[in-house]
C-alpha atoms as a PDB file:
ATOM      1  CA  MET A   1      -4.848 -11.580  29.837  1.00  0.00           C
ATOM      2  CA  ASP A   2      -2.447 -13.897  28.040  1.00  0.00           C
ATOM      3  CA  THR A   3      -1.438 -14.391  24.463  1.00  0.00           C
ATOM      4  CA  ARG A   4      -3.464 -17.530  24.073  1.00  0.00           C
ATOM      5  CA  GLN A   5      -6.676 -15.576  24.717  1.00  0.00           C
ATOM      6  CA  LEU A   6      -5.593 -13.006  22.200  1.00  0.00           C
ATOM      7  CA  LYS A   7      -4.909 -15.505  19.493  1.00  0.00           C
ATOM      8  CA  THR A   8      -8.190 -17.158  20.125  1.00  0.00           C
ATOM      9  CA  LEU A   9      -9.889 -13.759  19.668  1.00  0.00           C
ATOM     10  CA  LEU A  10      -8.207 -13.168  16.423  1.00  0.00           C
ATOM     11  CA  ALA A  11      -9.154 -16.633  15.250  1.00  0.00           C
ATOM     12  CA  ILE A  12     -12.813 -15.853  15.934  1.00  0.00           C
ATOM     13  CA  ARG A  13     -12.556 -12.642  13.973  1.00  0.00           C
ATOM     14  CA  SER A  14     -10.919 -14.328  11.015  1.00  0.00           C
ATOM     15  CA  HIS A  15     -13.245 -17.392  10.813  1.00  0.00           C
ATOM     16  CA  GLY A  16     -16.492 -15.895  12.048  1.00  0.00           C
ATOM     17  CA  THR A  17     -17.676 -18.393  14.614  1.00  0.00           C
ATOM     18  CA  PHE A  18     -16.475 -19.810  17.918  1.00  0.00           C
ATOM     19  CA  ALA A  19     -16.685 -23.293  16.528  1.00  0.00           C
ATOM     20  CA  GLN A  20     -14.471 -22.685  13.559  1.00  0.00           C
ATOM     21  CA  ALA A  21     -12.012 -20.756  15.770  1.00  0.00           C
ATOM     22  CA  ALA A  22     -11.975 -23.726  18.168  1.00  0.00           C
ATOM     23  CA  ASP A  23     -10.795 -26.032  15.382  1.00  0.00           C
ATOM     24  CA  LEU A  24      -8.008 -23.631  14.486  1.00  0.00           C
ATOM     25  CA  VAL A  25      -6.611 -23.145  17.999  1.00  0.00           C
ATOM     26  CA  GLY A  26      -7.129 -26.737  19.113  1.00  0.00           C
ATOM     27  CA  LEU A  27      -9.725 -26.122  21.790  1.00  0.00           C
ATOM     28  CA  THR A  28     -13.421 -27.067  22.266  1.00  0.00           C
ATOM     29  CA  PRO A  29     -16.004 -24.415  21.500  1.00  0.00           C
ATOM     30  CA  SER A  30     -16.815 -24.267  25.158  1.00  0.00           C
ATOM     31  CA  ALA A  31     -13.237 -23.564  26.074  1.00  0.00           C
ATOM     32  CA  VAL A  32     -13.199 -20.778  23.437  1.00  0.00           C
ATOM     33  CA  SER A  33     -16.217 -19.248  24.969  1.00  0.00           C
ATOM     34  CA  GLN A  34     -14.650 -19.421  28.358  1.00  0.00           C
ATOM     35  CA  GLN A  35     -11.488 -17.675  27.195  1.00  0.00           C
ATOM     36  CA  VAL A  36     -13.478 -14.844  25.659  1.00  0.00           C
ATOM     37  CA  HIS A  37     -15.651 -14.486  28.738  1.00  0.00           C
ATOM     38  CA  ALA A  38     -12.520 -14.294  30.965  1.00  0.00           C
ATOM     39  CA  LEU A  39     -11.063 -11.649  28.686  1.00  0.00           C
ATOM     40  CA  GLU A  40     -14.225  -9.597  28.784  1.00  0.00           C
ATOM     41  CA  GLU A  41     -14.321  -9.875  32.618  1.00  0.00           C
ATOM     42  CA  GLU A  42     -10.649  -8.755  32.869  1.00  0.00           C
ATOM     43  CA  LEU A  43     -11.009  -5.822  30.478  1.00  0.00           C
ATOM     44  CA  ARG A  44     -14.548  -5.010  31.611  1.00  0.00           C
ATOM     45  CA  VAL A  45     -15.930  -4.760  28.098  1.00  0.00           C
ATOM     46  CA  THR A  46     -18.335  -6.659  26.010  1.00  0.00           C
ATOM     47  CA  ILE A  47     -16.415  -8.030  23.020  1.00  0.00           C
ATOM     48  CA  PHE A  48     -19.244  -9.933  21.304  1.00  0.00           C
ATOM     49  CA  ASP A  49     -22.923  -9.238  20.995  1.00  0.00           C
ATOM     50  CA  ARG A  50     -24.371 -12.587  21.913  1.00  0.00           C
ATOM     51  CA  THR A  51     -27.934 -11.626  21.082  1.00  0.00           C
ATOM     52  CA  LYS A  52     -26.918 -12.137  17.327  1.00  0.00           C
ATOM     53  CA  ARG A  53     -26.236 -15.413  15.704  1.00  0.00           C
ATOM     54  CA  PRO A  54     -23.379 -15.825  15.114  1.00  0.00           C
ATOM     55  CA  PRO A  55     -22.191 -13.395  17.874  1.00  0.00           C
ATOM     56  CA  ARG A  56     -21.038 -10.073  16.357  1.00  0.00           C
ATOM     57  CA  ILE A  57     -18.039  -8.055  17.385  1.00  0.00           C
ATOM     58  CA  THR A  58     -18.995  -4.845  19.221  1.00  0.00           C
ATOM     59  CA  PRO A  59     -17.318  -1.544  18.816  1.00  0.00           C
ATOM     60  CA  ASP A  60     -15.457  -2.130  22.036  1.00  0.00           C
ATOM     61  CA  GLY A  61     -14.512  -5.504  20.601  1.00  0.00           C
ATOM     62  CA  LEU A  62     -13.003  -3.961  17.588  1.00  0.00           C
ATOM     63  CA  GLN A  63     -10.698  -1.848  19.805  1.00  0.00           C
ATOM     64  CA  VAL A  64      -9.683  -5.018  21.814  1.00  0.00           C
ATOM     65  CA  ILE A  65      -8.964  -6.789  18.492  1.00  0.00           C
ATOM     66  CA  GLU A  66      -6.700  -3.917  17.400  1.00  0.00           C
ATOM     67  CA  MET A  67      -4.882  -4.007  20.708  1.00  0.00           C
ATOM     68  CA  ALA A  68      -4.494  -7.876  20.480  1.00  0.00           C
ATOM     69  CA  GLU A  69      -2.946  -7.607  17.058  1.00  0.00           C
ATOM     70  CA  ASP A  70      -0.445  -5.026  18.373  1.00  0.00           C
ATOM     71  CA  ILE A  71       0.357  -7.007  21.472  1.00  0.00           C
ATOM     72  CA  LEU A  72       0.958 -10.338  19.592  1.00  0.00           C
ATOM     73  CA  ARG A  73       3.107  -8.533  16.971  1.00  0.00           C
ATOM     74  CA  ARG A  74       5.281  -6.942  19.677  1.00  0.00           C
ATOM     75  CA  ALA A  75       5.563 -10.291  21.470  1.00  0.00           C
ATOM     76  CA  GLU A  76       6.726 -11.968  18.337  1.00  0.00           C
ATOM     77  CA  ASP A  77       9.211  -9.123  17.585  1.00  0.00           C
ATOM     78  CA  ALA A  78      10.543  -9.361  21.192  1.00  0.00           C
ATOM     79  CA  LYS A  79      11.197 -13.093  20.854  1.00  0.00           C
ATOM     80  CA  ALA A  80      12.988 -12.523  17.507  1.00  0.00           C
ATOM     81  CA  SER A  81      15.107  -9.843  19.149  1.00  0.00           C
ATOM     82  CA  LEU A  82      16.020 -11.967  22.001  1.00  0.00           C
ATOM     83  CA  ARG A  83      17.118 -14.754  19.673  1.00  0.00           C
ATOM     84  CA  GLY A  84      19.471 -12.164  18.124  1.00  0.00           C
ATOM     85  CA  ASP A  85      17.501 -12.313  14.880  1.00  0.00           C
ATOM     86  CA  GLN A  86      16.596  -8.669  14.032  1.00  0.00           C
ATOM     87  CA  ILE A  87      15.295  -9.453  10.594  1.00  0.00           C
ATOM     88  CA  ALA A  88      12.325 -11.458  11.795  1.00  0.00           C
ATOM     89  CA  GLY A  89       8.783 -11.040  13.090  1.00  0.00           C
ATOM     90  CA  THR A  90       5.915  -9.317  11.404  1.00  0.00           C
ATOM     91  CA  LEU A  91       6.390  -6.255   9.269  1.00  0.00           C
ATOM     92  CA  MET A  92       3.032  -4.354   8.961  1.00  0.00           C
ATOM     93  CA  LEU A  93       3.018  -2.531   5.567  1.00  0.00           C
ATOM     94  CA  GLY A  94       0.456  -0.264   3.843  1.00  0.00           C
ATOM     95  CA  SER A  95       0.260   0.972   0.267  1.00  0.00           C
ATOM     96  CA  VAL A  96      -1.847   3.276  -1.718  1.00  0.00           C
ATOM     97  CA  ARG A  97      -3.734   1.784  -4.666  1.00  0.00           C
ATOM     98  CA  SER A  98      -1.119   2.981  -7.102  1.00  0.00           C
ATOM     99  CA  SER A  99       0.437   1.719 -10.344  1.00  0.00           C
ATOM    100  CA  ALA A 100       3.552   1.301  -8.248  1.00  0.00           C
ATOM    101  CA  LEU A 101       1.761  -1.240  -6.090  1.00  0.00           C
ATOM    102  CA  ASN A 102       2.858  -3.983  -8.447  1.00  0.00           C
ATOM    103  CA  LEU A 103       6.458  -3.473  -7.234  1.00  0.00           C
ATOM    104  CA  LEU A 104       5.595  -4.139  -3.574  1.00  0.00           C
ATOM    105  CA  PRO A 105       4.558  -7.798  -3.809  1.00  0.00           C
ATOM    106  CA  ARG A 106       7.750  -8.486  -5.759  1.00  0.00           C
ATOM    107  CA  ALA A 107       9.797  -6.784  -3.032  1.00  0.00           C
ATOM    108  CA  MET A 108       7.990  -8.708  -0.352  1.00  0.00           C
ATOM    109  CA  VAL A 109       8.686 -11.958  -2.081  1.00  0.00           C
ATOM    110  CA  GLN A 110      12.386 -11.049  -2.276  1.00  0.00           C
ATOM    111  CA  MET A 111      12.504 -10.009   1.416  1.00  0.00           C
ATOM    112  CA  ARG A 112      10.794 -13.251   2.435  1.00  0.00           C
ATOM    113  CA  GLY A 113      13.237 -15.263   0.410  1.00  0.00           C
ATOM    114  CA  ARG A 114      16.204 -13.587   2.025  1.00  0.00           C
ATOM    115  CA  TYR A 115      14.803 -13.495   5.563  1.00  0.00           C
ATOM    116  CA  PRO A 116      12.501 -16.531   6.058  1.00  0.00           C
ATOM    117  CA  ASP A 117      11.580 -15.527   9.608  1.00  0.00           C
ATOM    118  CA  LEU A 118      10.199 -12.157   8.348  1.00  0.00           C
ATOM    119  CA  LYS A 119       6.392 -12.104   7.918  1.00  0.00           C
ATOM    120  CA  PRO A 120       5.305  -9.082   5.756  1.00  0.00           C
ATOM    121  CA  SER A 121       1.620  -8.191   5.997  1.00  0.00           C
ATOM    122  CA  LEU A 122       0.132  -5.795   3.477  1.00  0.00           C
ATOM    123  CA  ARG A 123      -2.955  -3.502   3.620  1.00  0.00           C
ATOM    124  CA  VAL A 124      -4.086  -1.194   0.782  1.00  0.00           C
ATOM    125  CA  SER A 125      -5.772   2.083   1.674  1.00  0.00           C
ATOM    126  CA  LEU A 126      -5.859   5.825   1.105  1.00  0.00           C
ATOM    127  CA  SER A 127      -2.669   7.770   1.713  1.00  0.00           C
ATOM    128  CA  SER A 128      -4.194   9.872   4.506  1.00  0.00           C
ATOM    129  CA  THR A 129      -5.338   6.727   6.310  1.00  0.00           C
ATOM    130  CA  LEU A 130      -1.974   5.069   5.847  1.00  0.00           C
ATOM    131  CA  ILE A 131      -0.063   8.088   7.171  1.00  0.00           C
ATOM    132  CA  ALA A 132      -2.305   8.206  10.229  1.00  0.00           C
ATOM    133  CA  ASP A 133      -1.778   4.529  10.879  1.00  0.00           C
ATOM    134  CA  VAL A 134       1.975   4.805  10.668  1.00  0.00           C
ATOM    135  CA  ALA A 135       1.932   7.731  12.995  1.00  0.00           C
ATOM    136  CA  GLY A 136      -0.345   5.766  15.434  1.00  0.00           C
ATOM    137  CA  GLY A 137       1.907   2.662  15.442  1.00  0.00           C
ATOM    138  CA  ARG A 138      -0.611   0.443  13.605  1.00  0.00           C
ATOM    139  CA  LEU A 139       1.567   0.132  10.624  1.00  0.00           C
ATOM    140  CA  ASP A 140       5.391  -0.018  10.627  1.00  0.00           C
ATOM    141  CA  ALA A 141       5.612   1.736   7.164  1.00  0.00           C
ATOM    142  CA  ALA A 142       3.616   2.571   4.067  1.00  0.00           C
ATOM    143  CA  ILE A 143       4.072   3.234   0.415  1.00  0.00           C
ATOM    144  CA  VAL A 144       2.728   6.652  -0.455  1.00  0.00           C
ATOM    145  CA  ALA A 145       3.423   9.361  -3.094  1.00  0.00           C
ATOM    146  CA  GLU A 146       5.139  12.565  -2.256  1.00  0.00           C
ATOM    147  CA  HIS A 147       2.656  14.131   0.152  1.00  0.00           C
ATOM    148  CA  LEU A 148       2.319  17.630   1.730  1.00  0.00           C
ATOM    149  CA  GLY A 149       0.600  16.321   4.813  1.00  0.00           C
ATOM    150  CA  ILE A 150       3.252  14.231   6.416  1.00  0.00           C
ATOM    151  CA  PRO A 151       3.741  15.107  10.092  1.00  0.00           C
ATOM    152  CA  SER A 152       7.148  16.017  11.550  1.00  0.00           C
ATOM    153  CA  THR A 153       7.166  12.795  13.539  1.00  0.00           C
ATOM    154  CA  LEU A 154       7.374  10.829  10.306  1.00  0.00           C
ATOM    155  CA  ARG A 155      10.021  10.412   7.698  1.00  0.00           C
ATOM    156  CA  TRP A 156       9.325  10.005   3.927  1.00  0.00           C
ATOM    157  CA  SER A 157      12.056   8.571   1.757  1.00  0.00           C
ATOM    158  CA  PRO A 158      11.535   8.226  -1.974  1.00  0.00           C
ATOM    159  CA  PHE A 159      12.523   4.942  -3.641  1.00  0.00           C
ATOM    160  CA  LEU A 160      11.136   5.784  -7.128  1.00  0.00           C
ATOM    161  CA  ARG A 161      11.465   8.985  -9.218  1.00  0.00           C
ATOM    162  CA  GLU A 162       9.924   8.285 -12.661  1.00  0.00           C
ATOM    163  CA  PRO A 163       8.866  10.248 -15.635  1.00  0.00           C
ATOM    164  CA  LEU A 164       5.266  10.602 -16.989  1.00  0.00           C
ATOM    165  CA  TRP A 165       4.689   9.683 -20.559  1.00  0.00           C
ATOM    166  CA  LEU A 166       2.116  10.735 -22.997  1.00  0.00           C
ATOM    167  CA  ILE A 167       1.100   7.357 -24.529  1.00  0.00           C
ATOM    168  CA  VAL A 168      -0.283   6.861 -27.991  1.00  0.00           C
ATOM    169  CA  PRO A 169      -1.422   3.788 -29.961  1.00  0.00           C
ATOM    170  CA  ARG A 170       1.163   2.856 -32.492  1.00  0.00           C
ATOM    171  CA  SER A 171      -1.500   2.939 -35.221  1.00  0.00           C
ATOM    172  CA  MET A 172      -1.873   6.692 -34.619  1.00  0.00           C
ATOM    173  CA  GLU A 173       0.470   9.021 -36.545  1.00  0.00           C
ATOM    174  CA  ALA A 174       2.855  10.670 -34.049  1.00  0.00           C
ATOM    175  CA  SER A 175       3.349  14.414 -33.997  1.00  0.00           C
ATOM    176  CA  ASP A 176       3.960  17.172 -31.484  1.00  0.00           C
ATOM    177  CA  PRO A 177       2.713  16.186 -28.028  1.00  0.00           C
ATOM    178  CA  ILE A 178       0.857  19.449 -27.524  1.00  0.00           C
ATOM    179  CA  GLU A 179      -0.949  19.012 -30.861  1.00  0.00           C
ATOM    180  CA  LEU A 180      -1.945  15.480 -30.030  1.00  0.00           C
ATOM    181  CA  LEU A 181      -3.379  16.504 -26.609  1.00  0.00           C
ATOM    182  CA  ASN A 182      -5.341  19.313 -28.251  1.00  0.00           C
ATOM    183  CA  THR A 183      -6.748  17.268 -31.179  1.00  0.00           C
ATOM    184  CA  ARG A 184      -6.879  13.543 -30.307  1.00  0.00           C
ATOM    185  CA  PRO A 185      -9.405  11.710 -28.042  1.00  0.00           C
ATOM    186  CA  TYR A 186      -8.066  11.842 -24.490  1.00  0.00           C
ATOM    187  CA  ILE A 187      -8.626   9.292 -21.556  1.00  0.00           C
ATOM    188  CA  ARG A 188      -8.471  11.277 -18.329  1.00  0.00           C
ATOM    189  CA  PHE A 189      -7.239   9.750 -15.103  1.00  0.00           C
ATOM    190  CA  ARG A 190      -9.969  10.776 -12.646  1.00  0.00           C
ATOM    191  CA  SER A 191      -9.055   9.948  -9.036  1.00  0.00           C
ATOM    192  CA  ALA A 192      -8.571  11.759  -5.747  1.00  0.00           C
ATOM    193  CA  VAL A 193      -4.783  11.015  -5.666  1.00  0.00           C
ATOM    194  CA  PRO A 194      -1.688  13.244  -6.186  1.00  0.00           C
ATOM    195  CA  LEU A 195      -0.910  11.753  -9.567  1.00  0.00           C
ATOM    196  CA  ALA A 196      -4.203  12.823 -11.080  1.00  0.00           C
ATOM    197  CA  ASN A 197      -3.691  16.402  -9.728  1.00  0.00           C
ATOM    198  CA  LEU A 198      -0.144  16.409 -11.102  1.00  0.00           C
ATOM    199  CA  ILE A 199      -1.304  15.412 -14.515  1.00  0.00           C
ATOM    200  CA  ASP A 200      -4.203  17.938 -14.623  1.00  0.00           C
ATOM    201  CA  THR A 201      -1.959  20.734 -13.331  1.00  0.00           C
ATOM    202  CA  GLU A 202       0.567  20.295 -16.151  1.00  0.00           C
ATOM    203  CA  LEU A 203      -2.205  20.107 -18.783  1.00  0.00           C
ATOM    204  CA  SER A 204      -3.536  23.380 -17.516  1.00  0.00           C
ATOM    205  CA  ARG A 205      -0.055  24.921 -17.417  1.00  0.00           C
ATOM    206  CA  LEU A 206       0.484  23.798 -21.043  1.00  0.00           C
ATOM    207  CA  GLY A 207      -2.744  25.563 -22.040  1.00  0.00           C
ATOM    208  CA  VAL A 208      -4.093  22.324 -23.372  1.00  0.00           C
ATOM    209  CA  VAL A 209      -7.871  21.728 -23.969  1.00  0.00           C
ATOM    210  CA  THR A 210      -8.389  17.897 -24.154  1.00  0.00           C
ATOM    211  CA  ASN A 211     -11.148  16.176 -26.104  1.00  0.00           C
ATOM    212  CA  ASP A 212     -12.160  13.759 -23.276  1.00  0.00           C
ATOM    213  CA  VAL A 213     -13.718  10.451 -24.360  1.00  0.00           C
ATOM    214  CA  ALA A 214     -13.449   8.627 -21.038  1.00  0.00           C
ATOM    215  CA  GLU A 215     -12.677   9.178 -17.314  1.00  0.00           C
ATOM    216  CA  ILE A 216     -11.128   6.152 -15.671  1.00  0.00           C
ATOM    217  CA  ASP A 217      -9.908   5.834 -12.033  1.00  0.00           C
ATOM    218  CA  THR A 218      -7.174   3.147 -12.578  1.00  0.00           C
ATOM    219  CA  ILE A 219      -3.942   3.605 -14.607  1.00  0.00           C
ATOM    220  CA  GLY A 220      -3.934  -0.045 -15.775  1.00  0.00           C
ATOM    221  CA  SER A 221      -7.384   0.323 -17.414  1.00  0.00           C
ATOM    222  CA  ILE A 222      -6.170   3.577 -18.944  1.00  0.00           C
ATOM    223  CA  VAL A 223      -3.188   1.757 -20.513  1.00  0.00           C
ATOM    224  CA  THR A 224      -5.549  -0.930 -21.837  1.00  0.00           C
ATOM    225  CA  GLY A 225      -7.820   1.792 -23.412  1.00  0.00           C
ATOM    226  CA  VAL A 226      -4.767   3.326 -25.209  1.00  0.00           C
ATOM    227  CA  ARG A 227      -3.498  -0.066 -26.348  1.00  0.00           C
ATOM    228  CA  GLN A 228      -6.944  -0.803 -27.851  1.00  0.00           C
ATOM    229  CA  GLY A 229      -7.139   2.613 -29.669  1.00  0.00           C
ATOM    230  CA  LEU A 230      -9.674   4.376 -27.502  1.00  0.00           C
ATOM    231  CA  GLY A 231      -7.467   7.423 -27.124  1.00  0.00           C
ATOM    232  CA  ILE A 232      -4.273   8.888 -25.790  1.00  0.00           C
ATOM    233  CA  SER A 233      -3.380   9.548 -22.159  1.00  0.00           C
ATOM    234  CA  VAL A 234      -0.676  10.322 -19.623  1.00  0.00           C
ATOM    235  CA  VAL A 235       0.703   7.622 -17.257  1.00  0.00           C
ATOM    236  CA  PRO A 236       3.766   7.062 -15.079  1.00  0.00           C
ATOM    237  CA  HIS A 237       6.666   4.919 -16.348  1.00  0.00           C
ATOM    238  CA  VAL A 238       6.081   2.068 -13.904  1.00  0.00           C
ATOM    239  CA  ALA A 239       2.622   1.375 -15.582  1.00  0.00           C
ATOM    240  CA  LEU A 240       4.357   0.373 -18.785  1.00  0.00           C
ATOM    241  CA  GLN A 241       6.065  -2.829 -17.840  1.00  0.00           C
ATOM    242  CA  GLU A 242       4.194  -5.501 -19.797  1.00  0.00           C
ATOM    243  CA  PRO A 243       5.499  -6.942 -23.183  1.00  0.00           C
ATOM    244  CA  GLU A 244       2.348  -5.774 -24.932  1.00  0.00           C
ATOM    245  CA  ASP A 245       3.202  -2.195 -23.898  1.00  0.00           C
ATOM    246  CA  LEU A 246       5.719  -2.313 -26.763  1.00  0.00           C
ATOM    247  CA  ASN A 247       2.780  -1.519 -29.055  1.00  0.00           C
ATOM    248  CA  ILE A 248       2.385   1.816 -27.319  1.00  0.00           C
ATOM    249  CA  MET A 249       4.450   4.933 -28.351  1.00  0.00           C
ATOM    250  CA  ARG A 250       5.787   7.044 -25.443  1.00  0.00           C
ATOM    251  CA  LEU A 251       6.234  10.743 -25.884  1.00  0.00           C
ATOM    252  CA  THR A 252       7.564  13.328 -23.451  1.00  0.00           C
ATOM    253  CA  PHE A 253       4.891  14.913 -21.197  1.00  0.00           C
ATOM    254  CA  GLY A 254       5.551  18.368 -19.978  1.00  0.00           C
ATOM    255  CA  VAL A 255       8.269  20.970 -20.462  1.00  0.00           C
ATOM    256  CA  PRO A 256      10.518  19.922 -18.806  1.00  0.00           C
ATOM    257  CA  GLN A 257       9.306  16.364 -18.552  1.00  0.00           C
ATOM    258  CA  VAL A 258       7.125  15.815 -15.480  1.00  0.00           C
ATOM    259  CA  THR A 259       8.242  13.260 -12.837  1.00  0.00           C
ATOM    260  CA  ARG A 260       6.529  11.928  -9.773  1.00  0.00           C
ATOM    261  CA  GLN A 261       7.930  10.245  -6.701  1.00  0.00           C
ATOM    262  CA  ILE A 262       6.827   7.259  -4.566  1.00  0.00           C
ATOM    263  CA  GLY A 263       8.372   6.570  -1.146  1.00  0.00           C
ATOM    264  CA  ILE A 264       8.207   4.941   2.173  1.00  0.00           C
ATOM    265  CA  VAL A 265       6.802   6.740   5.149  1.00  0.00           C
ATOM    266  CA  GLU A 266       7.866   5.551   8.595  1.00  0.00           C
ATOM    267  CA  ARG A 267       8.132   7.025  12.128  1.00  0.00           C
ATOM    268  CA  THR A 268      11.408   8.977  12.692  1.00  0.00           C
ATOM    269  CA  ALA A 269      12.072   6.636  15.752  1.00  0.00           C
ATOM    270  CA  ALA A 270      10.965   3.570  13.830  1.00  0.00           C
ATOM    271  CA  PRO A 271      11.507   0.309  15.901  1.00  0.00           C
ATOM    272  CA  ARG A 272      11.814  -1.660  12.523  1.00  0.00           C
ATOM    273  CA  ALA A 273      14.169   0.885  10.909  1.00  0.00           C
ATOM    274  CA  GLU A 274      16.715  -1.749   9.855  1.00  0.00           C
ATOM    275  CA  ILE A 275      14.097  -3.882   8.045  1.00  0.00           C
ATOM    276  CA  ILE A 276      12.472  -0.793   6.477  1.00  0.00           C
ATOM    277  CA  ALA A 277      15.867   0.221   5.142  1.00  0.00           C
ATOM    278  CA  LEU A 278      16.377  -3.158   3.556  1.00  0.00           C
ATOM    279  CA  LEU A 279      12.873  -3.003   2.006  1.00  0.00           C
ATOM    280  CA  HIS A 280      13.711   0.449   0.560  1.00  0.00           C
ATOM    281  CA  ALA A 281      16.842  -0.890  -1.012  1.00  0.00           C
ATOM    282  CA  VAL A 282      14.911  -3.881  -2.649  1.00  0.00           C
ATOM    283  CA  LEU A 283      12.314  -1.461  -4.026  1.00  0.00           C
ATOM    284  CA  ALA A 284      14.837   0.954  -5.374  1.00  0.00           C
ATOM    285  CA  ASP A 285      16.611  -1.834  -7.086  1.00  0.00           C
ATOM    286  CA  LEU A 286      13.396  -3.036  -8.685  1.00  0.00           C
ATOM    287  CA  CYS A 287      12.811   0.492 -10.082  1.00  0.00           C
ATOM    288  CA  GLY A 288      15.991   0.104 -12.232  1.00  0.00           C
ATOM    289  CA  ASP A 289      17.233   3.424 -13.643  1.00  0.00           C
ATOM    290  CA  TYR A 290      14.508   5.397 -11.786  1.00  0.00           C
ATOM    291  CA  GLY A 291      15.263   3.999  -8.338  1.00  0.00           C
ATOM    292  CA  VAL A 292      16.331   6.420  -5.652  1.00  0.00           C
ATOM    293  CA  VAL A 293      18.904   5.504  -2.971  1.00  0.00           C
ATOM    294  CA  ARG A 294      17.759   6.038   0.563  1.00  0.00           C
ATOM    295  CA  PRO A 295      19.467   9.041   2.179  1.00  0.00           C
ATOM    296  CA  ILE A 296      21.744   8.282   5.109  1.00  0.00           C
ATOM    297  CA  ARG A 297      20.420   9.519   8.408  1.00  0.00           C
ATOM    298  CA  SER A 298      22.506  12.099  10.194  1.00  0.00           C
END
C-alpha cells in the first residue's frame, strides 16, 4: 500500500467513477483499476461492488476510505513537522448546526490567512457524533455547546459565554418580559439541542405559559419571524449580528439573565494542540465582549 493508491481511492469516492478519478490523478482508467485491485488484494477486502454501474463502494470499502483519509492526513502532518512548520497540514474540524456556526468560517479564513500551509476541513453534525469522532481520532476538534456527556479523555474549553435575549418587534409596545411571554404570540425553538432545553427549562422555572404560534428548528428563521412581526422569542446574542437586527428590541431573559456557552472539544493529548489553541484564541476574539480566554493547562 502506498499513498498514491490511497489518493486514487479518495479521488474515485469524490468523483464517482474510475474514469473521472483517472483525469484527476493523471492516470489512465486502466491504471486506476489496477491500483484499486492491488489495494484490494493487499488488504484482502472488496472495496467496490463491480456488479453495479458505476461500481459502488462496499461497507468494507467505506472503512478503507476512512483509513485512507487518516493515513494521508498523518503523512501530510508528518511532512510539515519535519519541515519545522508546526502550523501546517490538515485540521479536521466539526461543528454543531448552531447559531454560533457563523463564527467558525470567519475564524477558518483568518487562520488560513495567517498560516497558508494550514488546510482546515469542516464537517457539520450532531454533538454526540462529533464528540465520538474527536474521541476516535477522526476529528482533531469540534465546536459543541456545554455538554454533560464529554468523556474524561477529552477536554472542552469554552470560547463563548453569551446572554440569551427575549426579542420583540420594535412595533410591539415593550413591557415586563414575563408579561410579554405570557400574553404575546411566541415562536418556540424546537430542536434536540442543549439550547432549546435551556430556554424551555427557564420558561418553566419562571412559571410562564406561552401562546405558541410556531415551532421552528433554526434560530436564524426564528429571528426572521420576529423581525417580520410573527411573534416574540428567545435567542442567543450571537444570532443578532445583522444590521437589520437593530429593528428588534432585546429584553433580559431569565432572573438572573440566562447565558449559554460554546466551546472546543479536543483530546487531552491532542497532537494538534498548538493549532487548536490558536483557533480558540481567534474564535474568542471574534466573540468580542463575550469571548472566553482559554485556560492555561497545568
